[in-house]
Amino acid sequence: MSQAMKHRQPIPPALYSPSDLANLIGVSLRTVRNWIRSGDLAHTRLGPGERLIRVRHTDLEDFLDRRYHKASIDESS
């Protein structure tokens, strides 16, 4: 195995379940569901009857950027 392959960053999953997100960012599942319900966190519905909710990695990054960028602006005022 080459040195470059040993130091690669792990590739994040393309889609996260609400439970995965809650564990990843350290909030409750209810908080993630509230963000989805309010429209703050973009999501995709999959499966029969579109019952499975998944969040794309890029949508998570956008959400966190908006949320924490706004918080840092509010704190500096």
N, C-alpha and C. Protein backbone atom coordinates (compact mmCIF):
# COMPACT_ATOMS: atom_id res chain seq x y z
N MET A 1 0.85 -1.18 0.00
CA MET A 1 0.00 0.00 0.00
C MET A 1 0.89 1.24 0.00
N SER A 2 0.57 2.20 -0.85
CA SER A 2 1.39 3.40 -0.96
C SER A 2 1.15 4.34 0.21
N GLN A 3 2.07 5.27 0.43
CA GLN A 3 1.95 6.26 1.50
C GLN A 3 0.72 7.14 1.29
N ALA A 4 0.45 7.50 0.03
CA ALA A 4 -0.70 8.36 -0.25
C ALA A 4 -2.00 7.69 0.16
N MET A 5 -2.11 6.40 -0.06
CA MET A 5 -3.34 5.69 0.30
C MET A 5 -3.50 5.56 1.80
N LYS A 6 -2.40 5.48 2.54
CA LYS A 6 -2.47 5.36 3.99
C LYS A 6 -2.98 6.64 4.64
N HIS A 7 -2.75 7.80 4.02
CA HIS A 7 -3.10 9.07 4.63
C HIS A 7 -4.37 9.69 4.06
N ARG A 8 -5.12 8.96 3.30
CA ARG A 8 -6.37 9.49 2.75
C ARG A 8 -7.40 9.70 3.84
N GLN A 9 -8.16 10.77 3.70
CA GLN A 9 -9.26 11.03 4.61
C GLN A 9 -10.40 10.08 4.27
N PRO A 10 -11.14 9.61 5.28
CA PRO A 10 -12.27 8.75 4.98
C PRO A 10 -13.32 9.53 4.19
N ILE A 11 -13.98 8.87 3.27
CA ILE A 11 -15.01 9.51 2.48
C ILE A 11 -16.31 9.45 3.27
N PRO A 12 -16.95 10.62 3.49
CA PRO A 12 -18.21 10.60 4.24
C PRO A 12 -19.31 9.93 3.42
N PRO A 13 -20.28 9.36 4.10
CA PRO A 13 -21.37 8.73 3.35
C PRO A 13 -22.12 9.78 2.54
N ALA A 14 -22.69 9.38 1.42
CA ALA A 14 -23.43 10.32 0.57
C ALA A 14 -24.73 10.75 1.24
N LEU A 15 -25.34 9.86 2.01
CA LEU A 15 -26.62 10.15 2.66
C LEU A 15 -26.58 9.75 4.13
N TYR A 16 -27.19 10.59 4.96
CA TYR A 16 -27.27 10.30 6.40
C TYR A 16 -28.74 10.14 6.79
N SER A 17 -29.00 9.21 7.70
CA SER A 17 -30.33 9.13 8.30
C SER A 17 -30.40 10.19 9.40
N PRO A 18 -31.60 10.58 9.82
CA PRO A 18 -31.70 11.54 10.93
C PRO A 18 -30.96 11.05 12.19
N SER A 19 -31.04 9.76 12.45
CA SER A 19 -30.34 9.21 13.61
C SER A 19 -28.82 9.33 13.46
N ASP A 20 -28.31 9.04 12.26
CA ASP A 20 -26.87 9.19 12.00
C ASP A 20 -26.43 10.63 12.25
N LEU A 21 -27.24 11.58 11.75
CA LEU A 21 -26.89 13.00 11.92
C LEU A 21 -26.87 13.40 13.39
N ALA A 22 -27.87 12.96 14.14
CA ALA A 22 -27.94 13.29 15.56
C ALA A 22 -26.67 12.82 16.27
N ASN A 23 -26.24 11.60 15.99
CA ASN A 23 -25.02 11.06 16.61
C ASN A 23 -23.78 11.79 16.12
N LEU A 24 -23.73 12.13 14.84
CA LEU A 24 -22.56 12.76 14.25
C LEU A 24 -22.31 14.15 14.81
N ILE A 25 -23.38 14.95 14.95
CA ILE A 25 -23.16 16.34 15.38
C ILE A 25 -23.52 16.58 16.84
N GLY A 26 -23.93 15.53 17.54
CA GLY A 26 -24.11 15.63 18.98
C GLY A 26 -25.38 16.36 19.42
N VAL A 27 -26.48 16.14 18.70
CA VAL A 27 -27.77 16.70 19.10
C VAL A 27 -28.76 15.55 19.19
N SER A 28 -29.94 15.86 19.71
CA SER A 28 -30.95 14.81 19.82
C SER A 28 -31.61 14.55 18.46
N LEU A 29 -32.19 13.37 18.34
CA LEU A 29 -32.92 13.01 17.14
C LEU A 29 -34.09 13.97 16.95
N ARG A 30 -34.72 14.38 18.02
CA ARG A 30 -35.84 15.34 17.94
C ARG A 30 -35.38 16.66 17.33
N THR A 31 -34.18 17.12 17.69
CA THR A 31 -33.65 18.36 17.12
C THR A 31 -33.47 18.23 15.62
N VAL A 32 -32.90 17.13 15.16
CA VAL A 32 -32.72 16.90 13.72
C VAL A 32 -34.07 16.88 13.03
N ARG A 33 -35.03 16.18 13.61
CA ARG A 33 -36.37 16.13 13.01
C ARG A 33 -37.02 17.51 12.96
N ASN A 34 -36.80 18.32 13.99
CA ASN A 34 -37.34 19.68 13.99
C ASN A 34 -36.72 20.52 12.87
N TRP A 35 -35.41 20.40 12.68
CA TRP A 35 -34.74 21.13 11.60
C TRP A 35 -35.30 20.72 10.24
N ILE A 36 -35.55 19.41 10.06
CA ILE A 36 -36.11 18.91 8.81
C ILE A 36 -37.54 19.43 8.64
N ARG A 37 -38.33 19.30 9.67
CA ARG A 37 -39.74 19.72 9.62
C ARG A 37 -39.87 21.21 9.32
N SER A 38 -38.99 22.03 9.89
CA SER A 38 -39.07 23.48 9.69
C SER A 38 -38.55 23.92 8.33
N GLY A 39 -37.86 23.00 7.64
CA GLY A 39 -37.30 23.34 6.34
C GLY A 39 -35.89 23.89 6.41
N ASP A 40 -35.33 24.00 7.61
CA ASP A 40 -33.96 24.52 7.77
C ASP A 40 -32.92 23.56 7.21
N LEU A 41 -33.18 22.26 7.31
CA LEU A 41 -32.25 21.23 6.85
C LEU A 41 -32.89 20.50 5.67
N ALA A 42 -32.30 20.67 4.49
CA ALA A 42 -32.82 20.02 3.28
C ALA A 42 -32.71 18.51 3.43
N HIS A 43 -33.67 17.79 2.84
CA HIS A 43 -33.68 16.33 2.94
C HIS A 43 -34.30 15.72 1.69
N THR A 44 -34.14 14.42 1.58
CA THR A 44 -34.69 13.65 0.49
C THR A 44 -35.48 12.50 1.08
N ARG A 45 -36.59 12.18 0.44
CA ARG A 45 -37.39 11.03 0.88
C ARG A 45 -37.20 9.89 -0.11
N LEU A 46 -36.99 8.69 0.42
CA LEU A 46 -36.70 7.51 -0.39
C LEU A 46 -37.62 6.36 -0.03
N GLY A 47 -37.60 5.34 -0.87
CA GLY A 47 -38.27 4.09 -0.56
C GLY A 47 -39.76 4.10 -0.86
N PRO A 48 -40.41 2.97 -0.57
CA PRO A 48 -41.85 2.86 -0.82
C PRO A 48 -42.61 3.90 0.00
N GLY A 49 -43.43 4.66 -0.66
CA GLY A 49 -44.19 5.69 0.04
C GLY A 49 -43.34 6.86 0.50
N GLU A 50 -42.10 6.89 0.06
CA GLU A 50 -41.14 7.95 0.44
C GLU A 50 -41.09 8.18 1.95
N ARG A 51 -41.02 7.08 2.70
CA ARG A 51 -41.01 7.17 4.16
C ARG A 51 -39.61 7.36 4.74
N LEU A 52 -38.59 6.93 4.01
CA LEU A 52 -37.23 7.06 4.52
C LEU A 52 -36.71 8.47 4.27
N ILE A 53 -36.24 9.11 5.31
CA ILE A 53 -35.68 10.46 5.20
C ILE A 53 -34.17 10.35 5.24
N ARG A 54 -33.52 10.99 4.28
CA ARG A 54 -32.06 11.02 4.22
C ARG A 54 -31.61 12.44 3.91
N VAL A 55 -30.43 12.80 4.42
CA VAL A 55 -29.85 14.12 4.20
C VAL A 55 -28.52 13.94 3.48
N ARG A 56 -28.35 14.65 2.38
CA ARG A 56 -27.09 14.60 1.63
C ARG A 56 -25.99 15.28 2.43
N HIS A 57 -24.78 14.80 2.26
CA HIS A 57 -23.62 15.39 2.94
C HIS A 57 -23.49 16.88 2.59
N THR A 58 -23.69 17.22 1.33
CA THR A 58 -23.57 18.63 0.92
C THR A 58 -24.66 19.49 1.57
N ASP A 59 -25.86 18.94 1.75
CA ASP A 59 -26.93 19.69 2.43
C ASP A 59 -26.60 19.90 3.90
N LEU A 60 -25.98 18.91 4.53
CA LEU A 60 -25.54 19.05 5.91
C LEU A 60 -24.49 20.15 6.02
N GLU A 61 -23.50 20.14 5.12
CA GLU A 61 -22.47 21.17 5.15
C GLU A 61 -23.07 22.56 4.97
N ASP A 62 -24.00 22.71 4.02
CA ASP A 62 -24.66 24.00 3.80
C ASP A 62 -25.42 24.46 5.04
N PHE A 63 -26.14 23.54 5.66
CA PHE A 63 -26.90 23.86 6.87
C PHE A 63 -25.97 24.33 7.99
N LEU A 64 -24.89 23.60 8.21
CA LEU A 64 -23.97 23.97 9.28
C LEU A 64 -23.28 25.30 8.99
N ASP A 65 -22.92 25.53 7.73
CA ASP A 65 -22.33 26.81 7.35
C ASP A 65 -23.29 27.96 7.63
N ARG A 66 -24.54 27.82 7.22
CA ARG A 66 -25.54 28.88 7.46
C ARG A 66 -25.77 29.08 8.94
N ARG A 67 -25.91 27.99 9.66
CA ARG A 67 -26.24 28.08 11.09
C ARG A 67 -25.10 28.71 11.89
N TYR A 68 -23.88 28.28 11.66
CA TYR A 68 -22.77 28.78 12.47
C TYR A 68 -22.21 30.09 11.93
N HIS A 69 -22.35 30.34 10.65
CA HIS A 69 -21.93 31.64 10.12
C HIS A 69 -22.85 32.72 10.68
N LYS A 70 -24.16 32.46 10.71
CA LYS A 70 -25.12 33.41 11.27
C LYS A 70 -24.85 33.64 12.76
N ALA A 71 -24.56 32.56 13.49
CA ALA A 71 -24.29 32.68 14.92
C ALA A 71 -23.05 33.53 15.17
N SER A 72 -22.01 33.38 14.36
CA SER A 72 -20.79 34.16 14.57
C SER A 72 -21.04 35.62 14.24
N ILE A 73 -21.89 35.92 13.26
CA ILE A 73 -22.23 37.31 12.94
C ILE A 73 -23.03 37.92 14.07
N ASP A 74 -24.01 37.19 14.60
CA ASP A 74 -24.83 37.68 15.71
C ASP A 74 -23.99 37.97 16.95
N GLU A 75 -23.02 37.12 17.23
CA GLU A 75 -22.19 37.28 18.42
C GLU A 75 -21.25 38.48 18.29
N SER A 76 -20.84 38.83 17.08
CA SER A 76 -19.90 39.92 16.90
C SER A 76 -20.59 41.28 16.90
N SER A 77 -21.93 41.30 16.85
CA SER A 77 -22.67 42.59 16.84
C SER A 77 -22.77 43.19 18.20
